[in-house]
PDB file of N, CA and C in Angstrom:
ATOM      1  N   UNK A   1      26.307  14.483  -8.937  1.00  0.00           N
ATOM      2  CA  UNK A   1      25.013  14.170  -8.362  1.00  0.00           C
ATOM      3  C   UNK A   1      25.210  13.133  -7.254  1.00  0.00           C
ATOM      4  N   UNK A   2      24.706  13.433  -6.075  1.00  0.00           N
ATOM      5  CA  UNK A   2      24.786  12.525  -4.944  1.00  0.00           C
ATOM      6  C   UNK A   2      23.417  11.871  -4.754  1.00  0.00           C
ATOM      7  N   UNK A   3      23.417  10.541  -4.678  1.00  0.00           N
ATOM      8  CA  UNK A   3      22.183   9.785  -4.489  1.00  0.00           C
ATOM      9  C   UNK A   3      22.197   9.194  -3.080  1.00  0.00           C
ATOM     10  N   UNK A   4      21.156   9.468  -2.333  1.00  0.00           N
ATOM     11  CA  UNK A   4      21.008   8.923  -0.988  1.00  0.00           C
ATOM     12  C   UNK A   4      19.952   7.824  -1.032  1.00  0.00           C
ATOM     13  N   UNK A   5      20.300   6.652  -0.488  1.00  0.00           N
ATOM     14  CA  UNK A   5      19.376   5.519  -0.461  1.00  0.00           C
ATOM     15  C   UNK A   5      19.063   5.197   0.994  1.00  0.00           C
ATOM     16  N   UNK A   6      17.775   5.013   1.254  1.00  0.00           N
ATOM     17  CA  UNK A   6      17.319   4.747   2.615  1.00  0.00           C
ATOM     18  C   UNK A   6      16.368   3.560   2.600  1.00  0.00           C
ATOM     19  N   UNK A   7      16.533   2.659   3.569  1.00  0.00           N
ATOM     20  CA  UNK A   7      15.597   1.556   3.755  1.00  0.00           C
ATOM     21  C   UNK A   7      14.366   2.102   4.466  1.00  0.00           C
ATOM     22  N   UNK A   8      13.189   1.797   3.926  1.00  0.00           N
ATOM     23  CA  UNK A   8      11.923   2.193   4.534  1.00  0.00           C
ATOM     24  C   UNK A   8      11.168   0.894   4.836  1.00  0.00           C
ATOM     25  N   UNK A   9      11.486   0.258   5.984  1.00  0.00           N
ATOM     26  CA  UNK A   9      10.938  -1.073   6.273  1.00  0.00           C
ATOM     27  C   UNK A   9       9.413  -1.150   6.276  1.00  0.00           C
ATOM     28  N   UNK A  10       8.745  -0.096   6.743  1.00  0.00           N
ATOM     29  CA  UNK A  10       7.288  -0.126   6.787  1.00  0.00           C
ATOM     30  C   UNK A  10       6.670  -0.183   5.390  1.00  0.00           C
ATOM     31  N   UNK A  11       7.394   0.286   4.383  1.00  0.00           N
ATOM     32  CA  UNK A  11       6.939   0.221   2.990  1.00  0.00           C
ATOM     33  C   UNK A  11       7.570  -0.966   2.257  1.00  0.00           C
ATOM     34  N   UNK A  12       8.472  -1.675   2.916  1.00  0.00           N
ATOM     35  CA  UNK A  12       9.205  -2.801   2.339  1.00  0.00           C
ATOM     36  C   UNK A  12       9.910  -2.397   1.038  1.00  0.00           C
ATOM     37  N   UNK A  13      10.656  -1.291   1.140  1.00  0.00           N
ATOM     38  CA  UNK A  13      11.386  -0.833  -0.036  1.00  0.00           C
ATOM     39  C   UNK A  13      12.527   0.091   0.359  1.00  0.00           C
ATOM     40  N   UNK A  14      13.502   0.125  -0.537  1.00  0.00           N
ATOM     41  CA  UNK A  14      14.561   1.123  -0.456  1.00  0.00           C
ATOM     42  C   UNK A  14      14.117   2.278  -1.338  1.00  0.00           C
ATOM     43  N   UNK A  15      14.407   3.488  -0.882  1.00  0.00           N
ATOM     44  CA  UNK A  15      14.067   4.681  -1.653  1.00  0.00           C
ATOM     45  C   UNK A  15      15.328   5.478  -1.943  1.00  0.00           C
ATOM     46  N   UNK A  16      15.452   5.930  -3.165  1.00  0.00           N
ATOM     47  CA  UNK A  16      16.590   6.751  -3.572  1.00  0.00           C
ATOM     48  C   UNK A  16      16.110   8.171  -3.837  1.00  0.00           C
ATOM     49  N   UNK A  17      16.881   9.107  -3.308  1.00  0.00           N
ATOM     50  CA  UNK A  17      16.616  10.520  -3.555  1.00  0.00           C
ATOM     51  C   UNK A  17      17.915  11.190  -3.970  1.00  0.00           C
ATOM     52  N   UNK A  18      17.801  12.119  -4.888  1.00  0.00           N
ATOM     53  CA  UNK A  18      18.957  12.931  -5.278  1.00  0.00           C
ATOM     54  C   UNK A  18      19.110  14.022  -4.220  1.00  0.00           C
ATOM     55  N   UNK A  19      20.350  14.198  -3.763  1.00  0.00           N
ATOM     56  CA  UNK A  19      20.602  15.180  -2.714  1.00  0.00           C
ATOM     57  C   UNK A  19      20.066  16.552  -3.111  1.00  0.00           C
ATOM     58  N   UNK A  20      19.345  17.169  -2.180  1.00  0.00           N
ATOM     59  CA  UNK A  20      18.782  18.490  -2.423  1.00  0.00           C
ATOM     60  C   UNK A  20      17.379  18.460  -3.010  1.00  0.00           C
ATOM     61  N   UNK A  21      16.881  17.275  -3.339  1.00  0.00           N
ATOM     62  CA  UNK A  21      15.533  17.146  -3.899  1.00  0.00           C
ATOM     63  C   UNK A  21      14.680  16.283  -2.965  1.00  0.00           C
ATOM     64  N   UNK A  22      13.400  16.601  -2.862  1.00  0.00           N
ATOM     65  CA  UNK A  22      12.534  15.853  -1.950  1.00  0.00           C
ATOM     66  C   UNK A  22      11.836  14.670  -2.623  1.00  0.00           C
ATOM     67  N   UNK A  23      11.737  14.710  -3.938  1.00  0.00           N
ATOM     68  CA  UNK A  23      11.039  13.661  -4.673  1.00  0.00           C
ATOM     69  C   UNK A  23      11.836  12.358  -4.652  1.00  0.00           C
ATOM     70  N   UNK A  24      11.113  11.226  -4.514  1.00  0.00           N
ATOM     71  CA  UNK A  24      11.748   9.917  -4.607  1.00  0.00           C
ATOM     72  C   UNK A  24      12.110   9.673  -6.070  1.00  0.00           C
ATOM     73  N   UNK A  25      13.388   9.384  -6.317  1.00  0.00           N
ATOM     74  CA  UNK A  25      13.874   9.169  -7.683  1.00  0.00           C
ATOM     75  C   UNK A  25      13.708   7.716  -8.122  1.00  0.00           C
ATOM     76  N   UNK A  26      13.700   6.806  -7.152  1.00  0.00           N
ATOM     77  CA  UNK A  26      13.558   5.390  -7.487  1.00  0.00           C
ATOM     78  C   UNK A  26      13.310   4.560  -6.247  1.00  0.00           C
ATOM     79  N   UNK A  27      12.795   3.347  -6.473  1.00  0.00           N
ATOM     80  CA  UNK A  27      12.508   2.429  -5.375  1.00  0.00           C
ATOM     81  C   UNK A  27      12.961   1.023  -5.753  1.00  0.00           C
ATOM     82  N   UNK A  28      13.277   0.249  -4.722  1.00  0.00           N
ATOM     83  CA  UNK A  28      13.540  -1.185  -4.880  1.00  0.00           C
ATOM     84  C   UNK A  28      12.714  -1.888  -3.808  1.00  0.00           C
ATOM     85  N   UNK A  29      11.671  -2.581  -4.232  1.00  0.00           N
ATOM     86  CA  UNK A  29      10.784  -3.264  -3.295  1.00  0.00           C
ATOM     87  C   UNK A  29      11.338  -4.642  -2.962  1.00  0.00           C
ATOM     88  N   UNK A  30      11.078  -5.080  -1.728  1.00  0.00           N
ATOM     89  CA  UNK A  30      11.607  -6.356  -1.281  1.00  0.00           C
ATOM     90  C   UNK A  30      10.659  -7.079  -0.345  1.00  0.00           C
ATOM     91  N   UNK A  31      10.921  -8.370  -0.183  1.00  0.00           N
ATOM     92  CA  UNK A  31      10.278  -9.201   0.833  1.00  0.00           C
ATOM     93  C   UNK A  31      11.426  -9.759   1.664  1.00  0.00           C
ATOM     94  N   UNK A  32      11.345  -9.588   2.966  1.00  0.00           N
ATOM     95  CA  UNK A  32      12.462  -9.975   3.829  1.00  0.00           C
ATOM     96  C   UNK A  32      12.008 -10.964   4.887  1.00  0.00           C
ATOM     97  N   UNK A  33      12.826 -11.994   5.103  1.00  0.00           N
ATOM     98  CA  UNK A  33      12.639 -12.928   6.210  1.00  0.00           C
ATOM     99  C   UNK A  33      13.888 -12.837   7.090  1.00  0.00           C
ATOM    100  N   UNK A  34      13.983 -13.694   8.070  1.00  0.00           N
ATOM    101  CA  UNK A  34      15.157 -13.664   8.938  1.00  0.00           C
ATOM    102  C   UNK A  34      16.405 -14.180   8.241  1.00  0.00           C
ATOM    103  N   UNK A  35      16.246 -14.917   7.139  1.00  0.00           N
ATOM    104  CA  UNK A  35      17.392 -15.514   6.449  1.00  0.00           C
ATOM    105  C   UNK A  35      17.602 -15.013   5.019  1.00  0.00           C
ATOM    106  N   UNK A  36      16.583 -14.367   4.451  1.00  0.00           N
ATOM    107  CA  UNK A  36      16.590 -14.092   3.017  1.00  0.00           C
ATOM    108  C   UNK A  36      15.921 -12.753   2.724  1.00  0.00           C
ATOM    109  N   UNK A  37      16.428 -12.073   1.697  1.00  0.00           N
ATOM    110  CA  UNK A  37      15.732 -10.897   1.169  1.00  0.00           C
ATOM    111  C   UNK A  37      15.541 -11.115  -0.324  1.00  0.00           C
ATOM    112  N   UNK A  38      14.296 -10.992  -0.766  1.00  0.00           N
ATOM    113  CA  UNK A  38      13.969 -11.127  -2.188  1.00  0.00           C
ATOM    114  C   UNK A  38      13.688  -9.729  -2.730  1.00  0.00           C
ATOM    115  N   UNK A  39      14.470  -9.326  -3.713  1.00  0.00           N
ATOM    116  CA  UNK A  39      14.225  -8.045  -4.380  1.00  0.00           C
ATOM    117  C   UNK A  39      13.269  -8.330  -5.526  1.00  0.00           C
ATOM    118  N   UNK A  40      12.063  -7.751  -5.454  1.00  0.00           N
ATOM    119  CA  UNK A  40      10.984  -8.139  -6.358  1.00  0.00           C
ATOM    120  C   UNK A  40      10.640  -7.100  -7.427  1.00  0.00           C
ATOM    121  N   UNK A  41      11.009  -5.844  -7.206  1.00  0.00           N
ATOM    122  CA  UNK A  41      10.655  -4.817  -8.197  1.00  0.00           C
ATOM    123  C   UNK A  41      11.533  -3.590  -7.990  1.00  0.00           C
ATOM    124  N   UNK A  42      12.054  -3.071  -9.082  1.00  0.00           N
ATOM    125  CA  UNK A  42      12.834  -1.833  -9.054  1.00  0.00           C
ATOM    126  C   UNK A  42      12.232  -0.886 -10.082  1.00  0.00           C
ATOM    127  N   UNK A  43      12.098   0.357  -9.670  1.00  0.00           N
ATOM    128  CA  UNK A  43      11.515   1.356 -10.570  1.00  0.00           C
ATOM    129  C   UNK A  43      12.223   2.686 -10.372  1.00  0.00           C
ATOM    130  N   UNK A  44      12.596   3.315 -11.476  1.00  0.00           N
ATOM    131  CA  UNK A  44      13.231   4.631 -11.453  1.00  0.00           C
ATOM    132  C   UNK A  44      12.330   5.582 -12.228  1.00  0.00           C
ATOM    133  N   UNK A  45      12.079   6.752 -11.652  1.00  0.00           N
ATOM    134  CA  UNK A  45      11.266   7.755 -12.336  1.00  0.00           C
ATOM    135  C   UNK A  45      11.921   8.127 -13.658  1.00  0.00           C
ATOM    136  N   UNK A  46      11.105   8.324 -14.705  1.00  0.00           N
ATOM    137  CA  UNK A  46      11.656   8.588 -16.039  1.00  0.00           C
ATOM    138  C   UNK A  46      12.683   9.718 -16.097  1.00  0.00           C
ATOM    139  N   UNK A  47      12.469  10.772 -15.337  1.00  0.00           N
ATOM    140  CA  UNK A  47      13.407  11.899 -15.399  1.00  0.00           C
ATOM    141  C   UNK A  47      14.767  11.590 -14.766  1.00  0.00           C
ATOM    142  N   UNK A  48      14.859  10.455 -14.054  1.00  0.00           N
ATOM    143  CA  UNK A  48      16.129  10.068 -13.422  1.00  0.00           C
ATOM    144  C   UNK A  48      16.783   8.863 -14.097  1.00  0.00           C
ATOM    145  N   UNK A  49      16.160   8.315 -15.121  1.00  0.00           N
ATOM    146  CA  UNK A  49      16.714   7.135 -15.788  1.00  0.00           C
ATOM    147  C   UNK A  49      18.085   7.444 -16.373  1.00  0.00           C
ATOM    148  N   UNK A  50      18.976   6.463 -16.320  1.00  0.00           N
ATOM    149  CA  UNK A  50      20.306   6.609 -16.885  1.00  0.00           C
ATOM    150  C   UNK A  50      21.255   7.443 -16.051  1.00  0.00           C
ATOM    151  N   UNK A  51      20.884   7.706 -14.800  1.00  0.00           N
ATOM    152  CA  UNK A  51      21.717   8.558 -13.949  1.00  0.00           C
ATOM    153  C   UNK A  51      22.273   7.809 -12.737  1.00  0.00           C
ATOM    154  N   UNK A  52      22.209   6.464 -12.759  1.00  0.00           N
ATOM    155  CA  UNK A  52      22.802   5.668 -11.685  1.00  0.00           C
ATOM    156  C   UNK A  52      21.917   5.413 -10.485  1.00  0.00           C
ATOM    157  N   UNK A  53      20.642   5.775 -10.590  1.00  0.00           N
ATOM    158  CA  UNK A  53      19.729   5.579  -9.462  1.00  0.00           C
ATOM    159  C   UNK A  53      19.530   4.088  -9.185  1.00  0.00           C
ATOM    160  N   UNK A  54      19.277   3.307 -10.223  1.00  0.00           N
ATOM    161  CA  UNK A  54      19.077   1.866 -10.046  1.00  0.00           C
ATOM    162  C   UNK A  54      20.307   1.200  -9.454  1.00  0.00           C
ATOM    163  N   UNK A  55      21.478   1.577  -9.933  1.00  0.00           N
ATOM    164  CA  UNK A  55      22.720   1.016  -9.387  1.00  0.00           C
ATOM    165  C   UNK A  55      22.895   1.379  -7.917  1.00  0.00           C
ATOM    166  N   UNK A  56      22.552   2.599  -7.554  1.00  0.00           N
ATOM    167  CA  UNK A  56      22.654   3.013  -6.150  1.00  0.00           C
ATOM    168  C   UNK A  56      21.706   2.187  -5.278  1.00  0.00           C
ATOM    169  N   UNK A  57      20.503   1.932  -5.783  1.00  0.00           N
ATOM    170  CA  UNK A  57      19.547   1.105  -5.045  1.00  0.00           C
ATOM    171  C   UNK A  57      20.070  -0.315  -4.877  1.00  0.00           C
ATOM    172  N   UNK A  58      20.586  -0.892  -5.962  1.00  0.00           N
ATOM    173  CA  UNK A  58      21.099  -2.260  -5.909  1.00  0.00           C
ATOM    174  C   UNK A  58      22.270  -2.357  -4.941  1.00  0.00           C
ATOM    175  N   UNK A  59      23.216  -1.469  -5.069  1.00  0.00           N
ATOM    176  CA  UNK A  59      24.405  -1.516  -4.213  1.00  0.00           C
ATOM    177  C   UNK A  59      24.030  -1.363  -2.738  1.00  0.00           C
ATOM    178  N   UNK A  60      23.155  -0.417  -2.421  1.00  0.00           N
ATOM    179  CA  UNK A  60      22.768  -0.204  -1.027  1.00  0.00           C
ATOM    180  C   UNK A  60      22.019  -1.421  -0.468  1.00  0.00           C
ATOM    181  N   UNK A  61      21.079  -1.938  -1.239  1.00  0.00           N
ATOM    182  CA  UNK A  61      20.320  -3.104  -0.772  1.00  0.00           C
ATOM    183  C   UNK A  61      21.195  -4.325  -0.576  1.00  0.00           C
ATOM    184  N   UNK A  62      22.111  -4.547  -1.497  1.00  0.00           N
ATOM    185  CA  UNK A  62      22.995  -5.718  -1.408  1.00  0.00           C
ATOM    186  C   UNK A  62      24.036  -5.547  -0.308  1.00  0.00           C
ATOM    187  N   UNK A  63      24.542  -4.338  -0.132  1.00  0.00           N
ATOM    188  CA  UNK A  63      25.492  -4.107   0.959  1.00  0.00           C
ATOM    189  C   UNK A  63      24.829  -4.319   2.315  1.00  0.00           C
ATOM    190  N   UNK A  64      23.589  -3.869   2.451  1.00  0.00           N
ATOM    191  CA  UNK A  64      22.875  -4.084   3.714  1.00  0.00           C
ATOM    192  C   UNK A  64      22.543  -5.557   3.914  1.00  0.00           C
ATOM    193  N   UNK A  65      22.223  -6.279   2.835  1.00  0.00           N
ATOM    194  CA  UNK A  65      21.980  -7.722   2.947  1.00  0.00           C
ATOM    195  C   UNK A  65      23.240  -8.422   3.437  1.00  0.00           C
ATOM    196  N   UNK A  66      24.380  -8.052   2.876  1.00  0.00           N
ATOM    197  CA  UNK A  66      25.649  -8.651   3.310  1.00  0.00           C
ATOM    198  C   UNK A  66      25.898  -8.368   4.789  1.00  0.00           C
ATOM    199  N   UNK A  67      25.706  -7.127   5.205  1.00  0.00           N
ATOM    200  CA  UNK A  67      25.940  -6.751   6.599  1.00  0.00           C
ATOM    201  C   UNK A  67      25.018  -7.511   7.552  1.00  0.00           C
ATOM    202  N   UNK A  68      23.795  -7.792   7.106  1.00  0.00           N
ATOM    203  CA  UNK A  68      22.820  -8.517   7.936  1.00  0.00           C
ATOM    204  C   UNK A  68      22.935 -10.035   7.762  1.00  0.00           C
ATOM    205  N   UNK A  69      23.888 -10.479   6.936  1.00  0.00           N
ATOM    206  CA  UNK A  69      24.108 -11.902   6.658  1.00  0.00           C
ATOM    207  C   UNK A  69      22.867 -12.576   6.067  1.00  0.00           C
ATOM    208  N   UNK A  70      22.228 -11.862   5.143  1.00  0.00           N
ATOM    209  CA  UNK A  70      21.060 -12.390   4.450  1.00  0.00           C
ATOM    210  C   UNK A  70      21.457 -12.913   3.074  1.00  0.00           C
ATOM    211  N   UNK A  71      20.829 -13.995   2.651  1.00  0.00           N
ATOM    212  CA  UNK A  71      20.949 -14.436   1.273  1.00  0.00           C
ATOM    213  C   UNK A  71      20.009 -13.589   0.431  1.00  0.00           C
ATOM    214  N   UNK A  72      20.282 -13.494  -0.855  1.00  0.00           N
ATOM    215  CA  UNK A  72      19.512 -12.631  -1.750  1.00  0.00           C
ATOM    216  C   UNK A  72      18.856 -13.467  -2.837  1.00  0.00           C
ATOM    217  N   UNK A  73      17.576 -13.216  -3.055  1.00  0.00           N
ATOM    218  CA  UNK A  73      16.843 -13.829  -4.157  1.00  0.00           C
ATOM    219  C   UNK A  73      16.451 -12.699  -5.108  1.00  0.00           C
ATOM    220  N   UNK A  74      17.180 -12.539  -6.208  1.00  0.00           N
ATOM    221  CA  UNK A  74      16.920 -11.414  -7.114  1.00  0.00           C
ATOM    222  C   UNK A  74      15.843 -11.765  -8.155  1.00  0.00           C
ATOM    223  N   UNK A  75      14.581 -11.737  -7.760  1.00  0.00           N
ATOM    224  CA  UNK A  75      13.508 -12.034  -8.707  1.00  0.00           C
ATOM    225  C   UNK A  75      13.246 -10.866  -9.648  1.00  0.00           C
ATOM    226  N   UNK A  76      13.652  -9.684  -9.256  1.00  0.00           N
ATOM    227  CA  UNK A  76      13.546  -8.503 -10.116  1.00  0.00           C
ATOM    228  C   UNK A  76      14.607  -8.604 -11.213  1.00  0.00           C
ATOM    229  N   UNK A  77      14.223  -8.475 -12.477  1.00  0.00           N
ATOM    230  CA  UNK A  77      15.205  -8.571 -13.570  1.00  0.00           C
ATOM    231  C   UNK A  77      16.348  -7.562 -13.457  1.00  0.00           C
ATOM    232  N   UNK A  78      16.061  -6.372 -12.952  1.00  0.00           N
ATOM    233  CA  UNK A  78      17.122  -5.375 -12.805  1.00  0.00           C
ATOM    234  C   UNK A  78      18.171  -5.865 -11.826  1.00  0.00           C
ATOM    235  N   UNK A  79      17.747  -6.347 -10.643  1.00  0.00           N
ATOM    236  CA  UNK A  79      18.691  -6.835  -9.647  1.00  0.00           C
ATOM    237  C   UNK A  79      19.461  -8.040 -10.171  1.00  0.00           C
ATOM    238  N   UNK A  80      18.778  -8.958 -10.829  1.00  0.00           N
ATOM    239  CA  UNK A  80      19.446 -10.151 -11.372  1.00  0.00           C
ATOM    240  C   UNK A  80      20.531  -9.745 -12.369  1.00  0.00           C
ATOM    241  N   UNK A  81      20.212  -8.826 -13.253  1.00  0.00           N
ATOM    242  CA  UNK A  81      21.176  -8.366 -14.238  1.00  0.00           C
ATOM    243  C   UNK A  81      22.329  -7.599 -13.605  1.00  0.00           C
ATOM    244  N   UNK A  82      22.020  -6.789 -12.603  1.00  0.00           N
ATOM    245  CA  UNK A  82      23.044  -6.003 -11.939  1.00  0.00           C
ATOM    246  C   UNK A  82      24.040  -6.921 -11.232  1.00  0.00           C
ATOM    247  N   UNK A  83      23.527  -7.929 -10.541  1.00  0.00           N
ATOM    248  CA  UNK A  83      24.404  -8.882  -9.855  1.00  0.00           C
ATOM    249  C   UNK A  83      25.251  -9.644 -10.872  1.00  0.00           C
ATOM    250  N   UNK A  84      24.677 -10.008 -12.004  1.00  0.00           N
ATOM    251  CA  UNK A  84      25.438 -10.718 -13.038  1.00  0.00           C
ATOM    252  C   UNK A  84      26.615  -9.880 -13.543  1.00  0.00           C
ATOM    253  N   UNK A  85      26.457  -8.559 -13.548  1.00  0.00           N
ATOM    254  CA  UNK A  85      27.525  -7.664 -14.016  1.00  0.00           C
ATOM    255  C   UNK A  85      28.510  -7.276 -12.909  1.00  0.00           C
ATOM    256  N   UNK A  86      28.178  -7.650 -11.662  1.00  0.00           N
ATOM    257  CA  UNK A  86      29.028  -7.298 -10.517  1.00  0.00           C
ATOM    258  C   UNK A  86      29.312  -8.568  -9.710  1.00  0.00           C
ATOM    259  N   UNK A  87      30.295  -9.343 -10.140  1.00  0.00           N
ATOM    260  CA  UNK A  87      30.566 -10.649  -9.521  1.00  0.00           C
ATOM    261  C   UNK A  87      30.893 -10.589  -8.035  1.00  0.00           C
ATOM    262  N   UNK A  88      31.285  -9.440  -7.540  1.00  0.00           N
ATOM    263  CA  UNK A  88      31.587  -9.333  -6.108  1.00  0.00           C
ATOM    264  C   UNK A  88      30.344  -9.511  -5.230  1.00  0.00           C
ATOM    265  N   UNK A  89      29.155  -9.525  -5.840  1.00  0.00           N
ATOM    266  CA  UNK A  89      27.914  -9.731  -5.093  1.00  0.00           C
ATOM    267  C   UNK A  89      27.300 -11.114  -5.328  1.00  0.00           C
ATOM    268  N   UNK A  90      27.859 -11.900  -6.213  1.00  0.00           N
ATOM    269  CA  UNK A  90      27.253 -13.185  -6.561  1.00  0.00           C
ATOM    270  C   UNK A  90      27.253 -14.178  -5.410  1.00  0.00           C
ATOM    271  N   UNK A  91      28.147 -14.010  -4.441  1.00  0.00           N
ATOM    272  CA  UNK A  91      28.155 -14.915  -3.296  1.00  0.00           C
ATOM    273  C   UNK A  91      26.921 -14.744  -2.410  1.00  0.00           C
ATOM    274  N   UNK A  92      26.193 -13.659  -2.571  1.00  0.00           N
ATOM    275  CA  UNK A  92      24.980 -13.427  -1.777  1.00  0.00           C
ATOM    276  C   UNK A  92      23.760 -14.161  -2.318  1.00  0.00           C
ATOM    277  N   UNK A  93      23.795 -14.566  -3.566  1.00  0.00           N
ATOM    278  CA  UNK A  93      22.619 -15.113  -4.237  1.00  0.00           C
ATOM    279  C   UNK A  93      22.247 -16.476  -3.664  1.00  0.00           C
ATOM    280  N   UNK A  94      20.990 -16.587  -3.301  1.00  0.00           N
ATOM    281  CA  UNK A  94      20.442 -17.837  -2.778  1.00  0.00           C
ATOM    282  C   UNK A  94      20.507 -18.920  -3.843  1.00  0.00           C
ATOM    283  N   UNK A  95      20.992 -20.071  -3.452  1.00  0.00           N
ATOM    284  CA  UNK A  95      21.042 -21.241  -4.337  1.00  0.00           C
ATOM    285  C   UNK A  95      20.195 -22.339  -3.720  1.00  0.00           C
ATOM    286  N   UNK A  96      19.197 -22.796  -4.423  1.00  0.00           N
ATOM    287  CA  UNK A  96      18.355 -23.880  -3.927  1.00  0.00           C
ATOM    288  C   UNK A  96      19.199 -25.145  -3.786  1.00  0.00           C
ATOM    289  N   UNK A  97      19.049 -25.799  -2.657  1.00  0.00           N
ATOM    290  CA  UNK A  97      19.814 -27.011  -2.398  1.00  0.00           C
ATOM    291  C   UNK A  97      18.933 -28.249  -2.386  1.00  0.00           C
ATOM    292  N   UNK A  98      17.657 -28.069  -2.733  1.00  0.00           N
ATOM    293  CA  UNK A  98      16.760 -29.222  -2.736  1.00  0.00           C
ATOM    294  C   UNK A  98      17.017 -30.069  -3.976  1.00  0.00           C
ATOM    295  N   UNK A  99      16.809 -31.354  -3.842  1.00  0.00           N
ATOM    296  CA  UNK A  99      17.022 -32.284  -4.952  1.00  0.00           C
ATOM    297  C   UNK A  99      15.759 -33.108  -5.122  1.00  0.00           C
ATOM    298  N   UNK A 100      15.482 -33.415  -6.343  1.00  0.00           N
ATOM    299  CA  UNK A 100      14.348 -34.258  -6.650  1.00  0.00           C
ATOM    300  C   UNK A 100      14.867 -35.687  -6.800  1.00  0.00           C
ATOM    301  N   UNK A 101      14.259 -36.610  -6.052  1.00  0.00           N
ATOM    302  CA  UNK A 101      14.676 -38.009  -6.124  1.00  0.00           C
ATOM    303  C   UNK A 101      13.967 -38.698  -7.265  1.00  0.00           C
ATOM    304  N   UNK A 102      14.655 -39.642  -7.880  1.00  0.00           N
ATOM    305  CA  UNK A 102      14.055 -40.420  -8.972  1.00  0.00           C
ATOM    306  C   UNK A 102      13.193 -41.526  -8.417  1.00  0.00           C
TER     307      UNK A 102
END
């Protein structure tokens, strides 16, 4: 099974489709600024669950973030968990540098 992932900026989401099918198999919604992309929601259609659609969405979104030199804020639990299991992407994760003074 070949999964194609495409960024749809006007919808603020990545869409995954299985090759040869027109239906969207899954989406990863995001909020993007010039410095940061926050992945806020990932959803895979029930008939495609367990077939690597979510992983394809995560990998494509994170690879494009790296190419665009964006930091990543994984507020979506799926993205946060996926990054935790794939340490090669942890360098993309935004780390707050603000400090609270006493």
